[in-house]
């Protein structure tokens, strides 16, 4: 299974006059632009996404919607609490394993959870998992082995092996 982990794009600051709750933070216009650029760059890698799962927070849902639009994904975008940053990793890893019947899975979430997940699955420590960053991991479901593939750095607009 192809496993893609995407960090949400840049969102508004934690509190404004109208947004006083972290769960209500939405993407900035700059975040939307960067996410569109990222999705354009990666769309050839993401063409066969079977399912998209996202944290239920607004900024991750908006990020997932941008990616879905760019890759012409027509399926459901499912919200899962396992991708919220405050939940433990083990239920998320269990969720990934239960999705092994899919050929490819895109998960949109938060830092530091995504970086910790990459390390837990592959033993690779990314120096940074930037906003709009995407990591590809190959999951050999028969052997239950995760292999780091690459990380897309949105600041450099390049894939790092």
C-alpha atoms as a PDB file:
ATOM      1  CA  UNK A   1       0.000   0.000   0.000  1.00  0.00           C
ATOM      2  CA  UNK A   2       1.160   3.513  -0.778  1.00  0.00           C
ATOM      3  CA  UNK A   3       0.834   5.691   2.311  1.00  0.00           C
ATOM      4  CA  UNK A   4       0.998   9.462   1.880  1.00  0.00           C
ATOM      5  CA  UNK A   5       1.139  11.719   4.932  1.00  0.00           C
ATOM      6  CA  UNK A   6       0.401  15.400   4.355  1.00  0.00           C
ATOM      7  CA  UNK A   7       0.685  18.226   6.845  1.00  0.00           C
ATOM      8  CA  UNK A   8      -1.970  20.915   6.610  1.00  0.00           C
ATOM      9  CA  UNK A   9      -1.139  24.202   4.921  1.00  0.00           C
ATOM     10  CA  UNK A  10      -0.503  27.468   6.744  1.00  0.00           C
ATOM     11  CA  UNK A  11      -3.444  28.528   8.909  1.00  0.00           C
ATOM     12  CA  UNK A  12      -4.398  31.719  10.713  1.00  0.00           C
ATOM     13  CA  UNK A  13      -2.854  32.483  14.082  1.00  0.00           C
ATOM     14  CA  UNK A  14      -4.222  30.766  17.173  1.00  0.00           C
ATOM     15  CA  UNK A  15      -6.527  33.579  18.191  1.00  0.00           C
ATOM     16  CA  UNK A  16      -8.102  36.453  16.337  1.00  0.00           C
ATOM     17  CA  UNK A  17     -11.095  38.649  17.089  1.00  0.00           C
ATOM     18  CA  UNK A  18     -13.400  36.055  15.521  1.00  0.00           C
ATOM     19  CA  UNK A  19     -11.487  32.786  15.974  1.00  0.00           C
ATOM     20  CA  UNK A  20     -10.746  31.986  19.584  1.00  0.00           C
ATOM     21  CA  UNK A  21     -10.410  28.223  19.324  1.00  0.00           C
ATOM     22  CA  UNK A  22      -7.605  26.178  17.727  1.00  0.00           C
ATOM     23  CA  UNK A  23     -10.125  23.819  16.139  1.00  0.00           C
ATOM     24  CA  UNK A  24     -11.623  26.721  14.169  1.00  0.00           C
ATOM     25  CA  UNK A  25      -8.371  27.882  12.571  1.00  0.00           C
ATOM     26  CA  UNK A  26      -8.645  27.939   8.785  1.00  0.00           C
ATOM     27  CA  UNK A  27      -6.125  28.246   5.949  1.00  0.00           C
ATOM     28  CA  UNK A  28      -4.644  31.615   5.093  1.00  0.00           C
ATOM     29  CA  UNK A  29      -4.709  32.794   1.483  1.00  0.00           C
ATOM     30  CA  UNK A  30      -0.952  32.129   1.373  1.00  0.00           C
ATOM     31  CA  UNK A  31      -1.551  28.649   2.757  1.00  0.00           C
ATOM     32  CA  UNK A  32      -4.105  27.956   0.027  1.00  0.00           C
ATOM     33  CA  UNK A  33      -1.688  29.158  -2.655  1.00  0.00           C
ATOM     34  CA  UNK A  34       1.166  27.004  -1.305  1.00  0.00           C
ATOM     35  CA  UNK A  35      -1.096  23.951  -0.997  1.00  0.00           C
ATOM     36  CA  UNK A  36      -2.279  24.388  -4.585  1.00  0.00           C
ATOM     37  CA  UNK A  37       1.373  24.593  -5.712  1.00  0.00           C
ATOM     38  CA  UNK A  38       2.237  21.491  -3.689  1.00  0.00           C
ATOM     39  CA  UNK A  39      -0.716  19.517  -5.043  1.00  0.00           C
ATOM     40  CA  UNK A  40       0.148  20.590  -8.605  1.00  0.00           C
ATOM     41  CA  UNK A  41       3.729  19.432  -8.116  1.00  0.00           C
ATOM     42  CA  UNK A  42       2.714  16.066  -6.591  1.00  0.00           C
ATOM     43  CA  UNK A  43      -0.425  15.234  -8.574  1.00  0.00           C
ATOM     44  CA  UNK A  44       1.355  12.644 -10.731  1.00  0.00           C
ATOM     45  CA  UNK A  45       2.311  10.775  -7.527  1.00  0.00           C
ATOM     46  CA  UNK A  46      -1.174  11.048  -6.048  1.00  0.00           C
ATOM     47  CA  UNK A  47      -3.270  10.023  -9.065  1.00  0.00           C
ATOM     48  CA  UNK A  48      -4.349   6.662  -7.683  1.00  0.00           C
ATOM     49  CA  UNK A  49      -5.388   7.653  -4.148  1.00  0.00           C
ATOM     50  CA  UNK A  50      -8.001   5.154  -2.951  1.00  0.00           C
ATOM     51  CA  UNK A  51      -9.097   6.980   0.170  1.00  0.00           C
ATOM     52  CA  UNK A  52      -8.411  10.255   1.991  1.00  0.00           C
ATOM     53  CA  UNK A  53      -8.527  10.491   5.777  1.00  0.00           C
ATOM     54  CA  UNK A  54      -8.097  13.754   7.639  1.00  0.00           C
ATOM     55  CA  UNK A  55      -8.093  15.166  11.111  1.00  0.00           C
ATOM     56  CA  UNK A  56     -11.477  16.806  11.785  1.00  0.00           C
ATOM     57  CA  UNK A  57      -9.911  20.245  12.276  1.00  0.00           C
ATOM     58  CA  UNK A  58     -10.881  22.810   9.637  1.00  0.00           C
ATOM     59  CA  UNK A  59      -7.349  23.478   8.366  1.00  0.00           C
ATOM     60  CA  UNK A  60      -6.719  19.801   7.624  1.00  0.00           C
ATOM     61  CA  UNK A  61     -10.087  19.330   5.944  1.00  0.00           C
ATOM     62  CA  UNK A  62      -9.435  22.364   3.737  1.00  0.00           C
ATOM     63  CA  UNK A  63      -5.984  21.010   2.857  1.00  0.00           C
ATOM     64  CA  UNK A  64      -7.463  17.605   1.974  1.00  0.00           C
ATOM     65  CA  UNK A  65     -10.083  19.299  -0.205  1.00  0.00           C
ATOM     66  CA  UNK A  66      -7.423  21.206  -2.160  1.00  0.00           C
ATOM     67  CA  UNK A  67      -5.438  18.036  -2.792  1.00  0.00           C
ATOM     68  CA  UNK A  68      -8.576  16.089  -3.721  1.00  0.00           C
ATOM     69  CA  UNK A  69      -9.573  18.757  -6.216  1.00  0.00           C
ATOM     70  CA  UNK A  70      -6.130  18.827  -7.858  1.00  0.00           C
ATOM     71  CA  UNK A  71      -5.986  15.051  -8.304  1.00  0.00           C
ATOM     72  CA  UNK A  72      -9.631  14.711  -9.377  1.00  0.00           C
ATOM     73  CA  UNK A  73     -10.407  12.507  -6.382  1.00  0.00           C
ATOM     74  CA  UNK A  74     -14.139  11.814  -6.298  1.00  0.00           C
ATOM     75  CA  UNK A  75     -14.408   9.672  -3.170  1.00  0.00           C
ATOM     76  CA  UNK A  76     -15.279  10.678   0.351  1.00  0.00           C
ATOM     77  CA  UNK A  77     -12.908  12.571   2.587  1.00  0.00           C
ATOM     78  CA  UNK A  78     -13.318  10.875   5.938  1.00  0.00           C
ATOM     79  CA  UNK A  79     -12.668  12.658   9.216  1.00  0.00           C
ATOM     80  CA  UNK A  80     -10.882  10.543  11.822  1.00  0.00           C
ATOM     81  CA  UNK A  81     -10.040  11.499  15.385  1.00  0.00           C
ATOM     82  CA  UNK A  82      -6.899   9.334  15.251  1.00  0.00           C
ATOM     83  CA  UNK A  83      -5.267  12.109  13.191  1.00  0.00           C
ATOM     84  CA  UNK A  84      -5.870  14.830  15.786  1.00  0.00           C
ATOM     85  CA  UNK A  85      -2.548  15.932  17.252  1.00  0.00           C
ATOM     86  CA  UNK A  86      -3.460  15.068  20.845  1.00  0.00           C
ATOM     87  CA  UNK A  87      -4.353  11.407  20.235  1.00  0.00           C
ATOM     88  CA  UNK A  88      -1.727   8.682  20.781  1.00  0.00           C
ATOM     89  CA  UNK A  89       0.090   7.124  17.813  1.00  0.00           C
ATOM     90  CA  UNK A  90      -0.937   3.515  18.435  1.00  0.00           C
ATOM     91  CA  UNK A  91      -4.605   3.930  17.388  1.00  0.00           C
ATOM     92  CA  UNK A  92      -3.419   5.713  14.225  1.00  0.00           C
ATOM     93  CA  UNK A  93      -0.998   2.902  13.370  1.00  0.00           C
ATOM     94  CA  UNK A  94      -3.798   0.389  13.992  1.00  0.00           C
ATOM     95  CA  UNK A  95      -6.065   2.416  11.678  1.00  0.00           C
ATOM     96  CA  UNK A  96      -3.442   2.370   8.915  1.00  0.00           C
ATOM     97  CA  UNK A  97      -3.143  -1.396   9.219  1.00  0.00           C
ATOM     98  CA  UNK A  98      -6.915  -1.840   8.983  1.00  0.00           C
ATOM     99  CA  UNK A  99      -6.832   0.132   5.708  1.00  0.00           C
ATOM    100  CA  UNK A 100      -4.390  -2.326   4.121  1.00  0.00           C
ATOM    101  CA  UNK A 101      -7.029  -3.451   1.604  1.00  0.00           C
ATOM    102  CA  UNK A 102      -6.630  -0.078  -0.159  1.00  0.00           C
ATOM    103  CA  UNK A 103      -3.859   0.379  -2.712  1.00  0.00           C
ATOM    104  CA  UNK A 104      -3.116   3.936  -1.599  1.00  0.00           C
ATOM    105  CA  UNK A 105      -4.060   6.101   1.347  1.00  0.00           C
ATOM    106  CA  UNK A 106      -3.637   9.834   1.937  1.00  0.00           C
ATOM    107  CA  UNK A 107      -3.767  11.085   5.519  1.00  0.00           C
ATOM    108  CA  UNK A 108      -3.803  14.802   6.342  1.00  0.00           C
ATOM    109  CA  UNK A 109      -2.780  15.817   9.834  1.00  0.00           C
ATOM    110  CA  UNK A 110      -0.620  17.864  12.160  1.00  0.00           C
ATOM    111  CA  UNK A 111       2.869  18.208  13.514  1.00  0.00           C
ATOM    112  CA  UNK A 112       4.497  16.833  15.593  1.00  0.00           C
ATOM    113  CA  UNK A 113       2.242  13.822  15.151  1.00  0.00           C
ATOM    114  CA  UNK A 114       3.111  13.191  11.499  1.00  0.00           C
ATOM    115  CA  UNK A 115       6.850  13.403  12.125  1.00  0.00           C
ATOM    116  CA  UNK A 116       6.490  11.060  15.091  1.00  0.00           C
ATOM    117  CA  UNK A 117       4.453   8.677  12.928  1.00  0.00           C
ATOM    118  CA  UNK A 118       7.151   8.614  10.223  1.00  0.00           C
ATOM    119  CA  UNK A 119       9.751   7.786  12.886  1.00  0.00           C
ATOM    120  CA  UNK A 120       7.568   5.113  14.508  1.00  0.00           C
ATOM    121  CA  UNK A 121       6.853   3.402  11.179  1.00  0.00           C
ATOM    122  CA  UNK A 122      10.223   3.735   9.431  1.00  0.00           C
ATOM    123  CA  UNK A 123      12.824   4.755  12.070  1.00  0.00           C
ATOM    124  CA  UNK A 124      13.528   7.829   9.891  1.00  0.00           C
ATOM    125  CA  UNK A 125      13.602  11.198  11.659  1.00  0.00           C
ATOM    126  CA  UNK A 126      12.678  13.995   9.318  1.00  0.00           C
ATOM    127  CA  UNK A 127      14.551  17.211  10.149  1.00  0.00           C
ATOM    128  CA  UNK A 128      11.265  19.067   9.638  1.00  0.00           C
ATOM    129  CA  UNK A 129       7.738  18.259   8.484  1.00  0.00           C
ATOM    130  CA  UNK A 130       6.796  21.633   7.071  1.00  0.00           C
ATOM    131  CA  UNK A 131       3.294  22.936   6.513  1.00  0.00           C
ATOM    132  CA  UNK A 132       2.155  21.565   3.120  1.00  0.00           C
ATOM    133  CA  UNK A 133       4.878  18.907   3.371  1.00  0.00           C
ATOM    134  CA  UNK A 134       4.117  15.382   2.139  1.00  0.00           C
ATOM    135  CA  UNK A 135       5.824  12.102   2.992  1.00  0.00           C
ATOM    136  CA  UNK A 136       5.516   8.855   1.042  1.00  0.00           C
ATOM    137  CA  UNK A 137       5.870   5.516   2.823  1.00  0.00           C
ATOM    138  CA  UNK A 138       5.555   2.112   1.173  1.00  0.00           C
ATOM    139  CA  UNK A 139       3.682  -0.340   3.373  1.00  0.00           C
ATOM    140  CA  UNK A 140       4.290  -4.017   2.582  1.00  0.00           C
ATOM    141  CA  UNK A 141       1.071  -5.355   4.050  1.00  0.00           C
ATOM    142  CA  UNK A 142       2.088  -9.012   3.658  1.00  0.00           C
ATOM    143  CA  UNK A 143       5.202  -8.552   5.766  1.00  0.00           C
ATOM    144  CA  UNK A 144       3.825  -5.671   7.875  1.00  0.00           C
ATOM    145  CA  UNK A 145       6.883  -3.564   7.020  1.00  0.00           C
ATOM    146  CA  UNK A 146       6.934   0.186   6.391  1.00  0.00           C
ATOM    147  CA  UNK A 147       9.661   1.645   4.148  1.00  0.00           C
ATOM    148  CA  UNK A 148      10.412   5.365   3.837  1.00  0.00           C
ATOM    149  CA  UNK A 149      10.074   6.497   0.232  1.00  0.00           C
ATOM    150  CA  UNK A 150      10.535  10.273   0.123  1.00  0.00           C
ATOM    151  CA  UNK A 151       9.599  13.607   1.630  1.00  0.00           C
ATOM    152  CA  UNK A 152       8.387  16.578  -0.384  1.00  0.00           C
ATOM    153  CA  UNK A 153       9.783  19.832   0.990  1.00  0.00           C
ATOM    154  CA  UNK A 154       7.343  22.623   0.071  1.00  0.00           C
ATOM    155  CA  UNK A 155       9.896  25.326   0.895  1.00  0.00           C
ATOM    156  CA  UNK A 156      12.323  24.001  -1.719  1.00  0.00           C
ATOM    157  CA  UNK A 157       9.565  22.549  -3.952  1.00  0.00           C
ATOM    158  CA  UNK A 158      11.490  19.313  -4.280  1.00  0.00           C
ATOM    159  CA  UNK A 159      11.341  15.647  -3.312  1.00  0.00           C
ATOM    160  CA  UNK A 160      14.025  14.446  -0.940  1.00  0.00           C
ATOM    161  CA  UNK A 161      14.811  10.707  -0.949  1.00  0.00           C
END
